[in-house]
């Protein structure tokens, strides 16, 4: 029986490597964002405890949380991209349906 063989070209491999690099960078950016959000929340607590105005700090915290949410959404989108099948994958040597 004749079987279809799928080959992976260099551009697809480069694309996959770029996606992995993007995910790695997003992981770092998200971790940094989480640290900054935590630091901002602590700052707001300190300001409130000393009776200082916190509205601007709270607005900044919300903007930071929104940015972090966007980063996580972007990360999820990249993770949902179709991956290139491995050589063990059934799709590489699947018979054609006709």
N, C-alpha and C. Protein backbone atom coordinates (compact mmCIF):
# COMPACT_ATOMS: atom_id res chain seq x y z
N UNK A 1 0.85 -1.17 0.00
CA UNK A 1 0.00 0.00 0.00
C UNK A 1 0.89 1.24 0.00
N UNK A 2 0.52 2.20 -0.81
CA UNK A 2 1.26 3.45 -0.89
C UNK A 2 0.96 4.31 0.32
N UNK A 3 1.96 4.92 0.89
CA UNK A 3 1.77 5.78 2.06
C UNK A 3 2.28 7.18 1.77
N UNK A 4 1.57 8.12 2.32
CA UNK A 4 1.95 9.52 2.20
C UNK A 4 2.99 9.82 3.27
N UNK A 5 4.04 10.46 2.90
CA UNK A 5 5.08 10.83 3.85
C UNK A 5 5.18 12.34 3.91
N UNK A 6 5.07 12.88 5.09
CA UNK A 6 5.13 14.33 5.26
C UNK A 6 6.55 14.73 5.62
N UNK A 7 7.10 15.64 4.86
CA UNK A 7 8.43 16.12 5.19
C UNK A 7 8.32 17.49 5.85
N UNK A 8 9.26 17.79 6.69
CA UNK A 8 9.28 19.07 7.39
C UNK A 8 10.39 19.90 6.79
N UNK A 9 10.03 21.06 6.26
CA UNK A 9 11.07 21.88 5.66
C UNK A 9 11.74 22.78 6.70
N UNK A 10 12.83 23.36 6.30
CA UNK A 10 13.64 24.18 7.21
C UNK A 10 12.85 25.36 7.78
N UNK A 11 11.99 25.98 6.96
CA UNK A 11 11.21 27.12 7.43
C UNK A 11 10.28 26.73 8.58
N UNK A 12 9.70 25.53 8.50
CA UNK A 12 8.82 25.08 9.58
C UNK A 12 9.62 24.85 10.86
N UNK A 13 10.81 24.29 10.73
CA UNK A 13 11.65 24.07 11.91
C UNK A 13 12.06 25.40 12.54
N UNK A 14 12.41 26.36 11.70
CA UNK A 14 12.78 27.68 12.21
C UNK A 14 11.58 28.30 12.91
N UNK A 15 10.39 28.15 12.31
CA UNK A 15 9.18 28.69 12.93
C UNK A 15 8.91 28.08 14.29
N UNK A 16 9.11 26.77 14.39
CA UNK A 16 8.90 26.09 15.67
C UNK A 16 9.91 26.57 16.70
N UNK A 17 11.16 26.74 16.27
CA UNK A 17 12.19 27.23 17.19
C UNK A 17 11.87 28.65 17.65
N UNK A 18 11.35 29.48 16.73
CA UNK A 18 10.97 30.84 17.10
C UNK A 18 9.83 30.82 18.11
N UNK A 19 8.86 29.93 17.91
CA UNK A 19 7.75 29.82 18.86
C UNK A 19 8.27 29.42 20.23
N UNK A 20 9.20 28.49 20.27
CA UNK A 20 9.77 28.07 21.55
C UNK A 20 10.54 29.22 22.19
N UNK A 21 11.25 29.99 21.38
CA UNK A 21 11.98 31.14 21.91
C UNK A 21 11.01 32.19 22.44
N UNK A 22 9.90 32.40 21.72
CA UNK A 22 8.89 33.35 22.19
C UNK A 22 8.30 32.90 23.51
N UNK A 23 8.01 31.61 23.62
CA UNK A 23 7.46 31.09 24.87
C UNK A 23 8.45 31.26 26.02
N UNK A 24 9.70 30.99 25.76
CA UNK A 24 10.71 31.15 26.81
C UNK A 24 10.79 32.61 27.26
N UNK A 25 10.77 33.53 26.30
CA UNK A 25 10.82 34.95 26.65
C UNK A 25 9.55 35.37 27.39
N UNK A 26 8.40 34.86 26.95
CA UNK A 26 7.15 35.18 27.64
C UNK A 26 7.17 34.66 29.07
N UNK A 27 7.72 33.47 29.28
CA UNK A 27 7.84 32.94 30.64
C UNK A 27 8.63 33.90 31.51
N UNK A 28 9.74 34.40 30.97
CA UNK A 28 10.56 35.36 31.73
C UNK A 28 9.80 36.66 31.97
N UNK A 29 9.13 37.16 30.94
CA UNK A 29 8.38 38.41 31.07
C UNK A 29 7.24 38.27 32.08
N UNK A 30 6.57 37.14 32.06
CA UNK A 30 5.47 36.92 33.00
C UNK A 30 5.99 36.83 34.43
N UNK A 31 7.08 36.12 34.62
CA UNK A 31 7.67 36.03 35.96
C UNK A 31 8.08 37.41 36.46
N UNK A 32 8.69 38.21 35.59
CA UNK A 32 9.07 39.56 35.98
C UNK A 32 7.84 40.41 36.28
N UNK A 33 6.81 40.27 35.46
CA UNK A 33 5.57 41.00 35.69
C UNK A 33 4.94 40.64 37.02
N UNK A 34 4.96 39.37 37.36
CA UNK A 34 4.40 38.93 38.64
C UNK A 34 5.18 39.54 39.81
N UNK A 35 6.51 39.59 39.67
CA UNK A 35 7.33 40.20 40.73
C UNK A 35 6.99 41.69 40.88
N UNK A 36 6.82 42.36 39.75
CA UNK A 36 6.53 43.80 39.81
C UNK A 36 5.14 44.07 40.37
N UNK A 37 4.18 43.22 40.02
CA UNK A 37 2.82 43.37 40.56
C UNK A 37 2.86 43.19 42.08
N UNK A 38 3.58 42.18 42.54
CA UNK A 38 3.69 41.94 43.98
C UNK A 38 4.36 43.13 44.68
N UNK A 39 5.40 43.67 44.07
CA UNK A 39 6.09 44.82 44.66
C UNK A 39 5.17 46.04 44.71
N UNK A 40 4.40 46.24 43.66
CA UNK A 40 3.47 47.37 43.63
C UNK A 40 2.38 47.21 44.69
N UNK A 41 1.89 45.99 44.86
CA UNK A 41 0.87 45.74 45.88
C UNK A 41 1.44 46.02 47.28
N UNK A 42 2.69 45.62 47.51
CA UNK A 42 3.33 45.91 48.81
C UNK A 42 3.48 47.42 49.01
N UNK A 43 3.85 48.11 47.96
CA UNK A 43 4.00 49.57 48.04
C UNK A 43 2.67 50.23 48.40
N UNK A 44 1.60 49.75 47.80
CA UNK A 44 0.27 50.31 48.10
C UNK A 44 -0.07 50.09 49.57
N UNK A 45 0.24 48.91 50.08
CA UNK A 45 0.00 48.63 51.50
C UNK A 45 0.78 49.59 52.39
N UNK A 46 2.05 49.81 52.04
CA UNK A 46 2.88 50.73 52.82
C UNK A 46 2.33 52.16 52.76
N UNK A 47 1.92 52.58 51.57
CA UNK A 47 1.35 53.92 51.43
C UNK A 47 0.09 54.07 52.28
N UNK A 48 -0.76 53.06 52.22
CA UNK A 48 -2.01 53.11 52.98
C UNK A 48 -1.75 53.12 54.48
N UNK A 49 -0.78 52.34 54.93
CA UNK A 49 -0.47 52.28 56.36
C UNK A 49 0.07 53.61 56.89
N UNK A 50 0.69 54.37 56.02
CA UNK A 50 1.23 55.66 56.46
C UNK A 50 0.30 56.81 56.12
N UNK A 51 -0.91 56.47 55.66
CA UNK A 51 -1.92 57.49 55.40
C UNK A 51 -1.70 58.28 54.11
N UNK A 52 -0.93 57.76 53.20
CA UNK A 52 -0.66 58.47 51.95
C UNK A 52 -1.67 58.07 50.87
N UNK A 53 -1.75 58.90 49.87
CA UNK A 53 -2.65 58.68 48.73
C UNK A 53 -2.21 57.42 47.97
N UNK A 54 -3.18 56.59 47.60
CA UNK A 54 -2.86 55.34 46.90
C UNK A 54 -3.54 55.22 45.53
N UNK A 55 -4.37 56.20 45.17
CA UNK A 55 -5.15 56.05 43.94
C UNK A 55 -4.26 55.86 42.71
N UNK A 56 -3.26 56.68 42.54
CA UNK A 56 -2.38 56.56 41.37
C UNK A 56 -1.64 55.22 41.38
N UNK A 57 -1.20 54.81 42.56
CA UNK A 57 -0.50 53.53 42.69
C UNK A 57 -1.44 52.37 42.37
N UNK A 58 -2.70 52.49 42.78
CA UNK A 58 -3.68 51.44 42.48
C UNK A 58 -4.00 51.38 40.99
N UNK A 59 -4.08 52.54 40.35
CA UNK A 59 -4.32 52.58 38.91
C UNK A 59 -3.15 51.94 38.16
N UNK A 60 -1.95 52.23 38.61
CA UNK A 60 -0.77 51.62 38.00
C UNK A 60 -0.79 50.10 38.20
N UNK A 61 -1.15 49.67 39.40
CA UNK A 61 -1.24 48.23 39.68
C UNK A 61 -2.25 47.57 38.75
N UNK A 62 -3.38 48.20 38.53
CA UNK A 62 -4.38 47.62 37.64
C UNK A 62 -3.85 47.53 36.20
N UNK A 63 -3.16 48.56 35.77
CA UNK A 63 -2.56 48.54 34.42
C UNK A 63 -1.53 47.42 34.31
N UNK A 64 -0.75 47.24 35.36
CA UNK A 64 0.25 46.17 35.37
C UNK A 64 -0.44 44.80 35.31
N UNK A 65 -1.52 44.64 36.05
CA UNK A 65 -2.26 43.37 36.03
C UNK A 65 -2.88 43.12 34.65
N UNK A 66 -3.38 44.19 34.03
CA UNK A 66 -3.94 44.05 32.68
C UNK A 66 -2.86 43.62 31.69
N UNK A 67 -1.68 44.22 31.80
CA UNK A 67 -0.57 43.84 30.92
C UNK A 67 -0.18 42.38 31.13
N UNK A 68 -0.15 41.97 32.38
CA UNK A 68 0.19 40.59 32.70
C UNK A 68 -0.85 39.62 32.14
N UNK A 69 -2.10 40.01 32.22
CA UNK A 69 -3.17 39.19 31.65
C UNK A 69 -2.98 39.06 30.13
N UNK A 70 -2.62 40.16 29.48
CA UNK A 70 -2.38 40.13 28.03
C UNK A 70 -1.20 39.22 27.69
N UNK A 71 -0.15 39.29 28.48
CA UNK A 71 1.01 38.42 28.25
C UNK A 71 0.62 36.95 28.37
N UNK A 72 -0.19 36.63 29.37
CA UNK A 72 -0.63 35.25 29.55
C UNK A 72 -1.51 34.79 28.39
N UNK A 73 -2.36 35.69 27.89
CA UNK A 73 -3.20 35.35 26.74
C UNK A 73 -2.35 35.08 25.51
N UNK A 74 -1.34 35.91 25.31
CA UNK A 74 -0.43 35.72 24.18
C UNK A 74 0.31 34.39 24.31
N UNK A 75 0.73 34.08 25.51
CA UNK A 75 1.41 32.81 25.78
C UNK A 75 0.48 31.63 25.45
N UNK A 76 -0.77 31.73 25.87
CA UNK A 76 -1.73 30.66 25.58
C UNK A 76 -1.93 30.48 24.07
N UNK A 77 -2.00 31.59 23.35
CA UNK A 77 -2.17 31.51 21.89
C UNK A 77 -0.99 30.79 21.24
N UNK A 78 0.21 31.12 21.66
CA UNK A 78 1.39 30.47 21.08
C UNK A 78 1.38 28.98 21.42
N UNK A 79 1.00 28.65 22.64
CA UNK A 79 0.97 27.23 23.03
C UNK A 79 -0.08 26.44 22.25
N UNK A 80 -1.11 27.12 21.78
CA UNK A 80 -2.17 26.43 21.04
C UNK A 80 -1.86 26.28 19.55
N UNK A 81 -0.76 26.86 19.09
CA UNK A 81 -0.39 26.71 17.69
C UNK A 81 -0.15 25.24 17.40
N UNK A 82 -0.51 24.81 16.20
CA UNK A 82 -0.28 23.39 15.88
C UNK A 82 1.21 23.09 15.88
N UNK A 83 1.54 21.97 16.45
CA UNK A 83 2.96 21.60 16.49
C UNK A 83 3.27 20.70 15.31
N UNK A 84 4.52 20.63 14.98
CA UNK A 84 4.96 19.77 13.89
C UNK A 84 5.02 18.35 14.42
N UNK A 85 4.40 17.40 13.71
CA UNK A 85 4.40 16.02 14.20
C UNK A 85 5.81 15.43 14.25
N UNK A 86 6.01 14.54 15.17
CA UNK A 86 7.30 13.86 15.28
C UNK A 86 7.33 12.69 14.31
N UNK A 87 8.49 12.08 14.15
CA UNK A 87 8.61 10.94 13.24
C UNK A 87 7.77 9.77 13.70
N UNK A 88 7.49 9.69 14.98
CA UNK A 88 6.67 8.60 15.51
C UNK A 88 5.19 8.84 15.27
N UNK A 89 4.85 10.02 14.86
CA UNK A 89 3.45 10.39 14.72
C UNK A 89 2.77 9.58 13.63
N UNK A 90 1.55 9.23 13.89
CA UNK A 90 0.74 8.48 12.93
C UNK A 90 0.52 9.28 11.66
N UNK A 91 0.55 10.60 11.75
CA UNK A 91 0.25 11.43 10.58
C UNK A 91 1.35 11.37 9.54
N UNK A 92 2.54 10.95 9.90
CA UNK A 92 3.63 10.92 8.93
C UNK A 92 3.49 9.77 7.93
N UNK A 93 2.90 8.68 8.34
CA UNK A 93 2.82 7.52 7.46
C UNK A 93 1.39 7.00 7.40
N UNK A 94 0.45 7.88 7.35
CA UNK A 94 -0.96 7.49 7.31
C UNK A 94 -1.36 7.22 5.86
N UNK A 95 -2.07 6.13 5.59
CA UNK A 95 -2.52 5.87 4.22
C UNK A 95 -3.51 6.94 3.77
N UNK A 96 -3.48 7.25 2.51
CA UNK A 96 -4.44 8.19 1.97
C UNK A 96 -5.83 7.57 1.99
N UNK A 97 -6.88 8.37 2.14
CA UNK A 97 -8.23 7.82 2.30
C UNK A 97 -8.85 7.29 1.02
N UNK A 98 -8.16 7.29 -0.10
CA UNK A 98 -8.76 6.78 -1.34
C UNK A 98 -8.03 5.60 -1.89
